Amino acid sequence: MTPSGIFTDLFNFANNGLGMNPRAGVVQATDGKFYGGTTVNPGASSGTLFQMTSTGTYTDLVLFTNNIGLFPGGNPQVSLFQHTNGAFYGDTAAGGTGNIGCVTCGVLYKLDMGLGPFVSIVNWFGKVGQTIEILGQGLTGTSKVSFNGTSATFKVVSDTYLTATLPAGATTGFVGVTTPGGTRKSNRKFLVLPAVLGFDPPSGPVGTSVTITGASFTQTQGVGFGDTIPAQFTVNSDTQITAIVPQGAKTGPIGVKTPGGTAISKDTFTVTP
């Protein structure tokens, strides 16, 4: 479904040997594809694991055999979880060798699709100077951490955990961690939040040139004075913007929008006649 509400069926589960009742939902992996499970698959298996692209191309990956054969689990009901080693993990409600009477007790499983290791960020947004926590594998000996290409100072706490300070000049994008085993890329973009720290002059009529100071302005997409009417602007540096008070602007705070979010000034700009 699009943000505006346009709904499109991508795949119909039709009790045709490709599974039914996808209670577990789906998770998007680092390859951009979606992975999920169906709880049952009448006449064919005791549930399935599947892969689907964003355009609806559906592929069965695993047919659970309950307690006999290659895949002894049955009836998966929870979403898969992709570990930072690249593999998926999950469990099933039935199958396996344990049982109570004639009811099997389920299994824990690992699904390896050959996807490489990556790093995961604990908090996916932050401002310059904040400490960012990063999870991964084989982090001992890390030589570089960067935010969308901007190098950061960091501290390796353990083989699976390090912290980094979000550097000045960082922009919204993927995080890279260079380890002895290769460069690990984050599985999603880190959002760098902008900050408006001040502006000059504090007031003026339409057409006034206002210098805005702050942080993380490089990717600025829009500037507003007291409302959402867009103002013409020039990004002078990562810490400075020059904007022109637009026709229809209202007295109020100044806002700066970037891919990482929107910053609102604490002070009010007064629009004079």
C-alpha atoms as a PDB file:
ATOM      1  CA  MET A   1       0.000   0.000   0.000  1.00  0.00           C
ATOM      2  CA  THR A   2       1.302   3.438  -0.900  1.00  0.00           C
ATOM      3  CA  PRO A   3       1.376   6.358   1.588  1.00  0.00           C
ATOM      4  CA  SER A   4      -1.709   7.768  -0.156  1.00  0.00           C
ATOM      5  CA  GLY A   5      -3.646   4.542   0.407  1.00  0.00           C
ATOM      6  CA  ILE A   6      -3.504   2.859  -3.016  1.00  0.00           C
ATOM      7  CA  PHE A   7      -3.852  -0.878  -2.323  1.00  0.00           C
ATOM      8  CA  THR A   8      -2.496  -3.623  -4.606  1.00  0.00           C
ATOM      9  CA  ASP A   9      -2.783  -7.404  -4.212  1.00  0.00           C
ATOM     10  CA  LEU A  10       0.665  -8.925  -4.764  1.00  0.00           C
ATOM     11  CA  PHE A  11      -0.080 -12.608  -4.175  1.00  0.00           C
ATOM     12  CA  ASN A  12      -3.149 -14.679  -3.303  1.00  0.00           C
ATOM     13  CA  PHE A  13      -2.812 -17.721  -1.054  1.00  0.00           C
ATOM     14  CA  ALA A  14      -5.243 -20.153  -2.649  1.00  0.00           C
ATOM     15  CA  ASN A  15      -4.771 -23.532  -0.906  1.00  0.00           C
ATOM     16  CA  ASN A  16      -2.950 -24.778  -4.005  1.00  0.00           C
ATOM     17  CA  GLY A  17       0.156 -26.289  -2.437  1.00  0.00           C
ATOM     18  CA  LEU A  18       1.867 -22.902  -1.883  1.00  0.00           C
ATOM     19  CA  GLY A  19       0.720 -22.468   1.683  1.00  0.00           C
ATOM     20  CA  MET A  20      -2.157 -20.639   3.360  1.00  0.00           C
ATOM     21  CA  ASN A  21      -2.803 -18.587   6.520  1.00  0.00           C
ATOM     22  CA  PRO A  22       0.371 -16.408   6.541  1.00  0.00           C
ATOM     23  CA  ARG A  23      -0.035 -15.470  10.215  1.00  0.00           C
ATOM     24  CA  ALA A  24       3.656 -14.771  10.749  1.00  0.00           C
ATOM     25  CA  GLY A  25       3.773 -11.737   8.454  1.00  0.00           C
ATOM     26  CA  VAL A  26       6.910 -10.828   6.520  1.00  0.00           C
ATOM     27  CA  VAL A  27      10.305  -9.255   7.182  1.00  0.00           C
ATOM     28  CA  GLN A  28      12.375  -7.351   4.603  1.00  0.00           C
ATOM     29  CA  ALA A  29      15.939  -8.659   4.449  1.00  0.00           C
ATOM     30  CA  THR A  30      19.196  -7.025   3.393  1.00  0.00           C
ATOM     31  CA  ASP A  31      18.667  -8.242  -0.209  1.00  0.00           C
ATOM     32  CA  GLY A  32      15.491  -6.133  -0.412  1.00  0.00           C
ATOM     33  CA  LYS A  33      13.234  -9.198  -0.608  1.00  0.00           C
ATOM     34  CA  PHE A  34      10.554 -10.226   1.870  1.00  0.00           C
ATOM     35  CA  TYR A  35      10.572 -13.489   3.825  1.00  0.00           C
ATOM     36  CA  GLY A  36       7.671 -15.036   5.696  1.00  0.00           C
ATOM     37  CA  GLY A  37       5.833 -18.201   6.631  1.00  0.00           C
ATOM     38  CA  THR A  38       2.435 -19.820   6.245  1.00  0.00           C
ATOM     39  CA  THR A  39       0.982 -21.735   9.174  1.00  0.00           C
ATOM     40  CA  VAL A  40      -0.566 -24.541   7.111  1.00  0.00           C
ATOM     41  CA  ASN A  41      -0.349 -26.006   3.623  1.00  0.00           C
ATOM     42  CA  PRO A  42      -3.140 -28.627   3.320  1.00  0.00           C
ATOM     43  CA  GLY A  43      -2.196 -31.765   1.426  1.00  0.00           C
ATOM     44  CA  ALA A  44       1.373 -30.622   0.785  1.00  0.00           C
ATOM     45  CA  SER A  45       3.184 -29.795   4.037  1.00  0.00           C
ATOM     46  CA  SER A  46       2.838 -28.570   7.604  1.00  0.00           C
ATOM     47  CA  GLY A  47       3.380 -24.936   6.642  1.00  0.00           C
ATOM     48  CA  THR A  48       6.000 -23.193   4.542  1.00  0.00           C
ATOM     49  CA  LEU A  49       8.687 -20.530   4.474  1.00  0.00           C
ATOM     50  CA  PHE A  50       8.599 -18.297   1.425  1.00  0.00           C
ATOM     51  CA  GLN A  51      10.355 -15.415  -0.328  1.00  0.00           C
ATOM     52  CA  MET A  52       8.592 -12.611  -2.194  1.00  0.00           C
ATOM     53  CA  THR A  53       9.794  -9.591  -4.137  1.00  0.00           C
ATOM     54  CA  SER A  54       8.185  -6.152  -3.893  1.00  0.00           C
ATOM     55  CA  THR A  55       6.501  -6.813  -7.255  1.00  0.00           C
ATOM     56  CA  GLY A  56       4.877 -10.044  -6.026  1.00  0.00           C
ATOM     57  CA  THR A  57       7.175 -12.782  -7.367  1.00  0.00           C
ATOM     58  CA  TYR A  58       6.590 -15.640  -4.900  1.00  0.00           C
ATOM     59  CA  THR A  59       8.976 -18.540  -4.196  1.00  0.00           C
ATOM     60  CA  ASP A  60       8.488 -21.440  -1.790  1.00  0.00           C
ATOM     61  CA  LEU A  61      11.699 -22.039   0.150  1.00  0.00           C
ATOM     62  CA  VAL A  62      10.843 -24.688   2.754  1.00  0.00           C
ATOM     63  CA  LEU A  63       7.996 -27.206   3.061  1.00  0.00           C
ATOM     64  CA  PHE A  64       7.835 -28.264   6.692  1.00  0.00           C
ATOM     65  CA  THR A  65       7.371 -32.017   7.152  1.00  0.00           C
ATOM     66  CA  ASN A  66       6.143 -31.831  10.775  1.00  0.00           C
ATOM     67  CA  ASN A  67       8.234 -34.599  12.353  1.00  0.00           C
ATOM     68  CA  ILE A  68       9.509 -36.650   9.414  1.00  0.00           C
ATOM     69  CA  GLY A  69      12.037 -35.792   6.714  1.00  0.00           C
ATOM     70  CA  LEU A  70      14.400 -32.927   5.961  1.00  0.00           C
ATOM     71  CA  PHE A  71      12.414 -30.095   7.634  1.00  0.00           C
ATOM     72  CA  PRO A  72      10.911 -31.592  10.809  1.00  0.00           C
ATOM     73  CA  GLY A  73       9.156 -28.444  12.070  1.00  0.00           C
ATOM     74  CA  GLY A  74       5.514 -27.593  11.520  1.00  0.00           C
ATOM     75  CA  ASN A  75       3.081 -24.666  11.608  1.00  0.00           C
ATOM     76  CA  PRO A  76       5.314 -21.537  11.873  1.00  0.00           C
ATOM     77  CA  GLN A  77       3.418 -18.639  13.439  1.00  0.00           C
ATOM     78  CA  VAL A  78       6.008 -15.940  14.161  1.00  0.00           C
ATOM     79  CA  SER A  79       8.031 -13.650  11.891  1.00  0.00           C
ATOM     80  CA  LEU A  80      11.545 -14.620  10.910  1.00  0.00           C
ATOM     81  CA  PHE A  81      14.371 -12.575  12.428  1.00  0.00           C
ATOM     82  CA  GLN A  82      17.463 -11.754  10.369  1.00  0.00           C
ATOM     83  CA  HIS A  83      20.594 -11.969  12.518  1.00  0.00           C
ATOM     84  CA  THR A  84      23.592  -9.722  11.804  1.00  0.00           C
ATOM     85  CA  ASN A  85      25.378 -12.823  10.476  1.00  0.00           C
ATOM     86  CA  GLY A  86      22.925 -12.676   7.551  1.00  0.00           C
ATOM     87  CA  ALA A  87      20.903 -15.801   8.421  1.00  0.00           C
ATOM     88  CA  PHE A  88      17.248 -15.979   9.502  1.00  0.00           C
ATOM     89  CA  TYR A  89      15.994 -17.560  12.721  1.00  0.00           C
ATOM     90  CA  GLY A  90      12.536 -18.589  13.875  1.00  0.00           C
ATOM     91  CA  ASP A  91      10.435 -21.267  15.518  1.00  0.00           C
ATOM     92  CA  THR A  92       7.432 -23.455  14.819  1.00  0.00           C
ATOM     93  CA  ALA A  93       4.417 -24.383  16.933  1.00  0.00           C
ATOM     94  CA  ALA A  94       4.594 -28.075  16.012  1.00  0.00           C
ATOM     95  CA  GLY A  95       6.921 -30.751  14.666  1.00  0.00           C
ATOM     96  CA  GLY A  96      10.221 -32.039  15.966  1.00  0.00           C
ATOM     97  CA  THR A  97      10.970 -35.013  18.187  1.00  0.00           C
ATOM     98  CA  GLY A  98       9.541 -33.756  21.475  1.00  0.00           C
ATOM     99  CA  ASN A  99       5.904 -34.525  22.139  1.00  0.00           C
ATOM    100  CA  ILE A 100       3.176 -34.587  24.738  1.00  0.00           C
ATOM    101  CA  GLY A 101       1.035 -37.592  23.959  1.00  0.00           C
ATOM    102  CA  CYS A 102       0.472 -37.347  20.226  1.00  0.00           C
ATOM    103  CA  VAL A 103       1.149 -33.577  20.021  1.00  0.00           C
ATOM    104  CA  THR A 104       4.613 -32.478  18.873  1.00  0.00           C
ATOM    105  CA  CYS A 105       6.236 -29.508  20.576  1.00  0.00           C
ATOM    106  CA  GLY A 106       7.921 -27.506  17.797  1.00  0.00           C
ATOM    107  CA  VAL A 107      11.479 -26.631  16.744  1.00  0.00           C
ATOM    108  CA  LEU A 108      13.833 -23.671  16.551  1.00  0.00           C
ATOM    109  CA  TYR A 109      15.348 -23.287  13.078  1.00  0.00           C
ATOM    110  CA  LYS A 110      17.917 -21.372  11.038  1.00  0.00           C
ATOM    111  CA  LEU A 111      17.391 -20.439   7.379  1.00  0.00           C
ATOM    112  CA  ASP A 112      20.565 -19.506   5.472  1.00  0.00           C
ATOM    113  CA  MET A 113      19.964 -17.766   2.128  1.00  0.00           C
ATOM    114  CA  GLY A 114      23.633 -16.885   1.645  1.00  0.00           C
ATOM    115  CA  LEU A 115      23.155 -13.227   2.596  1.00  0.00           C
ATOM    116  CA  GLY A 116      26.300 -11.612   3.976  1.00  0.00           C
ATOM    117  CA  PRO A 117      26.820 -10.177   7.467  1.00  0.00           C
ATOM    118  CA  PHE A 118      25.751  -6.608   8.192  1.00  0.00           C
ATOM    119  CA  VAL A 119      25.598  -4.150  11.076  1.00  0.00           C
ATOM    120  CA  SER A 120      22.464  -3.046  12.865  1.00  0.00           C
ATOM    121  CA  ILE A 121      22.035   0.311  14.570  1.00  0.00           C
ATOM    122  CA  VAL A 122      20.263   0.356  17.937  1.00  0.00           C
ATOM    123  CA  ASN A 123      18.778   3.846  17.373  1.00  0.00           C
ATOM    124  CA  TRP A 124      18.225   4.736  13.713  1.00  0.00           C
ATOM    125  CA  PHE A 125      18.354   8.515  14.139  1.00  0.00           C
ATOM    126  CA  GLY A 126      20.383  11.096  16.030  1.00  0.00           C
ATOM    127  CA  LYS A 127      22.055  14.501  16.100  1.00  0.00           C
ATOM    128  CA  VAL A 128      25.697  15.417  15.628  1.00  0.00           C
ATOM    129  CA  GLY A 129      27.700  14.597  18.757  1.00  0.00           C
ATOM    130  CA  GLN A 130      25.425  11.825  19.978  1.00  0.00           C
ATOM    131  CA  THR A 131      26.723   8.343  20.793  1.00  0.00           C
ATOM    132  CA  ILE A 132      25.373   5.741  18.361  1.00  0.00           C
ATOM    133  CA  GLU A 133      25.286   2.041  19.303  1.00  0.00           C
ATOM    134  CA  ILE A 134      26.108  -0.521  16.603  1.00  0.00           C
ATOM    135  CA  LEU A 135      25.639  -4.319  16.674  1.00  0.00           C
ATOM    136  CA  GLY A 136      27.358  -6.818  14.402  1.00  0.00           C
ATOM    137  CA  GLN A 137      29.705  -9.787  14.082  1.00  0.00           C
ATOM    138  CA  GLY A 138      33.528  -9.858  14.081  1.00  0.00           C
ATOM    139  CA  LEU A 139      33.863  -6.224  15.178  1.00  0.00           C
ATOM    140  CA  THR A 140      37.148  -6.795  17.028  1.00  0.00           C
ATOM    141  CA  GLY A 141      39.873  -5.002  15.078  1.00  0.00           C
ATOM    142  CA  THR A 142      37.482  -2.538  13.406  1.00  0.00           C
ATOM    143  CA  SER A 143      39.504   0.154  11.635  1.00  0.00           C
ATOM    144  CA  LYS A 144      36.805   2.550  10.432  1.00  0.00           C
ATOM    145  CA  VAL A 145      33.198   3.573  11.046  1.00  0.00           C
ATOM    146  CA  SER A 146      31.468   5.994   8.693  1.00  0.00           C
ATOM    147  CA  PHE A 147      28.036   7.579   8.354  1.00  0.00           C
ATOM    148  CA  ASN A 148      27.173   7.848   4.653  1.00  0.00           C
ATOM    149  CA  GLY A 149      30.907   8.179   3.953  1.00  0.00           C
ATOM    150  CA  THR A 150      31.803  10.580   6.783  1.00  0.00           C
ATOM    151  CA  SER A 151      34.299   9.005   9.189  1.00  0.00           C
ATOM    152  CA  ALA A 152      33.458   8.874  12.888  1.00  0.00           C
ATOM    153  CA  THR A 153      35.394   8.261  16.075  1.00  0.00           C
ATOM    154  CA  PHE A 154      34.438   4.935  17.652  1.00  0.00           C
ATOM    155  CA  LYS A 155      35.103   2.467  20.447  1.00  0.00           C
ATOM    156  CA  VAL A 156      34.943  -1.316  20.086  1.00  0.00           C
ATOM    157  CA  VAL A 157      33.304  -2.663  23.234  1.00  0.00           C
ATOM    158  CA  SER A 158      33.126  -6.337  22.218  1.00  0.00           C
ATOM    159  CA  ASP A 159      33.205  -8.543  19.138  1.00  0.00           C
ATOM    160  CA  THR A 160      29.504  -7.852  18.599  1.00  0.00           C
ATOM    161  CA  TYR A 161      29.104  -4.272  19.864  1.00  0.00           C
ATOM    162  CA  LEU A 162      30.704  -0.869  19.330  1.00  0.00           C
ATOM    163  CA  THR A 163      29.796   2.763  19.821  1.00  0.00           C
ATOM    164  CA  ALA A 164      30.479   5.734  17.535  1.00  0.00           C
ATOM    165  CA  THR A 165      30.069   9.485  17.842  1.00  0.00           C
ATOM    166  CA  LEU A 166      27.934  10.988  15.073  1.00  0.00           C
ATOM    167  CA  PRO A 167      30.396  13.348  13.352  1.00  0.00           C
ATOM    168  CA  ALA A 168      29.866  16.893  12.110  1.00  0.00           C
ATOM    169  CA  GLY A 169      29.099  16.839   8.396  1.00  0.00           C
ATOM    170  CA  ALA A 170      27.416  13.429   8.529  1.00  0.00           C
ATOM    171  CA  THR A 171      24.411  13.000   6.249  1.00  0.00           C
ATOM    172  CA  THR A 172      21.483  10.602   6.152  1.00  0.00           C
ATOM    173  CA  GLY A 173      22.530   7.290   4.605  1.00  0.00           C
ATOM    174  CA  PHE A 174      23.983   3.871   5.315  1.00  0.00           C
ATOM    175  CA  VAL A 175      26.524   3.192   8.054  1.00  0.00           C
ATOM    176  CA  GLY A 176      29.730   1.373   7.103  1.00  0.00           C
ATOM    177  CA  VAL A 177      31.993  -0.555   9.483  1.00  0.00           C
ATOM    178  CA  THR A 178      35.367  -1.780   8.211  1.00  0.00           C
ATOM    179  CA  THR A 179      36.465  -4.958  10.032  1.00  0.00           C
ATOM    180  CA  PRO A 180      39.277  -7.468   9.425  1.00  0.00           C
ATOM    181  CA  GLY A 181      36.664  -9.637   7.691  1.00  0.00           C
ATOM    182  CA  GLY A 182      35.502  -6.897   5.335  1.00  0.00           C
ATOM    183  CA  THR A 183      33.237  -3.858   5.313  1.00  0.00           C
ATOM    184  CA  ARG A 184      29.829  -4.328   6.932  1.00  0.00           C
ATOM    185  CA  LYS A 185      26.952  -2.141   5.723  1.00  0.00           C
ATOM    186  CA  SER A 186      23.913  -1.317   7.823  1.00  0.00           C
ATOM    187  CA  ASN A 187      20.642  -2.924   6.800  1.00  0.00           C
ATOM    188  CA  ARG A 188      18.869   0.433   6.671  1.00  0.00           C
ATOM    189  CA  LYS A 189      19.708   4.121   6.464  1.00  0.00           C
ATOM    190  CA  PHE A 190      20.685   6.133   9.532  1.00  0.00           C
ATOM    191  CA  LEU A 191      18.706   9.388   9.809  1.00  0.00           C
ATOM    192  CA  VAL A 192      20.780  12.447  10.736  1.00  0.00           C
ATOM    193  CA  LEU A 193      18.495  14.956  12.437  1.00  0.00           C
ATOM    194  CA  PRO A 194      19.150  18.625  11.600  1.00  0.00           C
ATOM    195  CA  ALA A 195      19.266  21.347  14.260  1.00  0.00           C
ATOM    196  CA  VAL A 196      18.399  25.061  13.981  1.00  0.00           C
ATOM    197  CA  LEU A 197      20.474  26.955  16.550  1.00  0.00           C
ATOM    198  CA  GLY A 198      19.778  30.534  15.508  1.00  0.00           C
ATOM    199  CA  PHE A 199      19.055  33.027  12.738  1.00  0.00           C
ATOM    200  CA  ASP A 200      19.722  36.655  11.838  1.00  0.00           C
ATOM    201  CA  PRO A 201      18.012  39.082  11.516  1.00  0.00           C
ATOM    202  CA  PRO A 202      15.204  38.186  13.967  1.00  0.00           C
ATOM    203  CA  SER A 203      12.555  40.024  11.924  1.00  0.00           C
ATOM    204  CA  GLY A 204      11.862  41.544   8.523  1.00  0.00           C
ATOM    205  CA  PRO A 205       9.364  41.875   5.671  1.00  0.00           C
ATOM    206  CA  VAL A 206       8.819  39.541   2.738  1.00  0.00           C
ATOM    207  CA  GLY A 207      12.002  39.388   0.675  1.00  0.00           C
ATOM    208  CA  THR A 208      14.358  39.665   3.655  1.00  0.00           C
ATOM    209  CA  SER A 209      17.488  37.521   3.450  1.00  0.00           C
ATOM    210  CA  VAL A 210      17.872  35.497   6.660  1.00  0.00           C
ATOM    211  CA  THR A 211      21.005  33.599   7.686  1.00  0.00           C
ATOM    212  CA  ILE A 212      20.142  30.386   9.554  1.00  0.00           C
ATOM    213  CA  THR A 213      22.806  28.619  11.622  1.00  0.00           C
ATOM    214  CA  GLY A 214      22.701  25.080  12.942  1.00  0.00           C
ATOM    215  CA  ALA A 215      23.892  21.585  12.036  1.00  0.00           C
ATOM    216  CA  SER A 216      23.358  18.904   9.388  1.00  0.00           C
ATOM    217  CA  PHE A 217      22.065  21.262   6.684  1.00  0.00           C
ATOM    218  CA  THR A 218      23.850  19.654   3.695  1.00  0.00           C
ATOM    219  CA  GLN A 219      20.803  17.687   2.507  1.00  0.00           C
ATOM    220  CA  THR A 220      18.243  20.436   3.142  1.00  0.00           C
ATOM    221  CA  GLN A 221      15.038  19.924   1.144  1.00  0.00           C
ATOM    222  CA  GLY A 222      12.984  22.869   2.353  1.00  0.00           C
ATOM    223  CA  VAL A 223      12.823  25.949   4.610  1.00  0.00           C
ATOM    224  CA  GLY A 224       9.675  27.538   6.047  1.00  0.00           C
ATOM    225  CA  PHE A 225       8.874  30.694   8.027  1.00  0.00           C
ATOM    226  CA  GLY A 226       5.991  30.100  10.467  1.00  0.00           C
ATOM    227  CA  ASP A 227       4.107  27.821   8.043  1.00  0.00           C
ATOM    228  CA  THR A 228       4.605  25.364   5.207  1.00  0.00           C
ATOM    229  CA  ILE A 229       4.967  27.931   2.424  1.00  0.00           C
ATOM    230  CA  PRO A 230       8.328  27.044   0.849  1.00  0.00           C
ATOM    231  CA  ALA A 231      11.076  29.648   0.897  1.00  0.00           C
ATOM    232  CA  GLN A 232      13.914  30.046  -1.582  1.00  0.00           C
ATOM    233  CA  PHE A 233      17.158  29.031   0.081  1.00  0.00           C
ATOM    234  CA  THR A 234      20.845  28.367  -0.483  1.00  0.00           C
ATOM    235  CA  VAL A 235      22.860  25.886   1.549  1.00  0.00           C
ATOM    236  CA  ASN A 236      26.131  27.684   2.275  1.00  0.00           C
ATOM    237  CA  SER A 237      27.614  24.873   4.370  1.00  0.00           C
ATOM    238  CA  ASP A 238      26.560  22.047   6.647  1.00  0.00           C
ATOM    239  CA  THR A 239      26.025  24.656   9.381  1.00  0.00           C
ATOM    240  CA  GLN A 240      24.554  27.617   7.470  1.00  0.00           C
ATOM    241  CA  ILE A 241      21.627  28.386   5.146  1.00  0.00           C
ATOM    242  CA  THR A 242      20.563  31.652   3.552  1.00  0.00           C
ATOM    243  CA  ALA A 243      16.780  31.866   2.993  1.00  0.00           C
ATOM    244  CA  ILE A 244      14.433  34.522   1.617  1.00  0.00           C
ATOM    245  CA  VAL A 245      11.223  35.277   3.518  1.00  0.00           C
ATOM    246  CA  PRO A 246       8.497  34.183   1.053  1.00  0.00           C
ATOM    247  CA  GLN A 247       5.225  35.850   0.138  1.00  0.00           C
ATOM    248  CA  GLY A 248       2.576  34.648   2.602  1.00  0.00           C
ATOM    249  CA  ALA A 249       5.047  33.823   5.379  1.00  0.00           C
ATOM    250  CA  LYS A 250       3.720  34.139   8.913  1.00  0.00           C
ATOM    251  CA  THR A 251       5.340  35.123  12.180  1.00  0.00           C
ATOM    252  CA  GLY A 252       6.588  31.964  13.892  1.00  0.00           C
ATOM    253  CA  PRO A 253       9.539  29.608  14.193  1.00  0.00           C
ATOM    254  CA  ILE A 254      11.784  28.723  11.249  1.00  0.00           C
ATOM    255  CA  GLY A 255      11.776  25.115  10.075  1.00  0.00           C
ATOM    256  CA  VAL A 256      14.419  23.240   8.083  1.00  0.00           C
ATOM    257  CA  LYS A 257      13.567  19.901   6.468  1.00  0.00           C
ATOM    258  CA  THR A 258      16.116  17.230   5.453  1.00  0.00           C
ATOM    259  CA  PRO A 259      15.857  13.485   4.656  1.00  0.00           C
ATOM    260  CA  GLY A 260      16.680  12.870   8.330  1.00  0.00           C
ATOM    261  CA  GLY A 261      13.799  14.934   9.706  1.00  0.00           C
ATOM    262  CA  THR A 262      12.655  18.492  10.379  1.00  0.00           C
ATOM    263  CA  ALA A 263      14.260  20.954  12.805  1.00  0.00           C
ATOM    264  CA  ILE A 264      12.241  23.808  14.310  1.00  0.00           C
ATOM    265  CA  SER A 265      13.859  26.883  15.832  1.00  0.00           C
ATOM    266  CA  LYS A 266      13.172  27.741  19.477  1.00  0.00           C
ATOM    267  CA  ASP A 267      12.942  31.444  18.669  1.00  0.00           C
ATOM    268  CA  THR A 268      10.281  33.175  16.568  1.00  0.00           C
ATOM    269  CA  PHE A 269      10.943  35.108  13.369  1.00  0.00           C
ATOM    270  CA  THR A 270       8.672  38.137  13.119  1.00  0.00           C
ATOM    271  CA  VAL A 271       7.303  38.978   9.682  1.00  0.00           C
ATOM    272  CA  THR A 272       6.905  42.772   9.503  1.00  0.00           C
ATOM    273  CA  PRO A 273       4.796  44.807   7.045  1.00  0.00           C
END
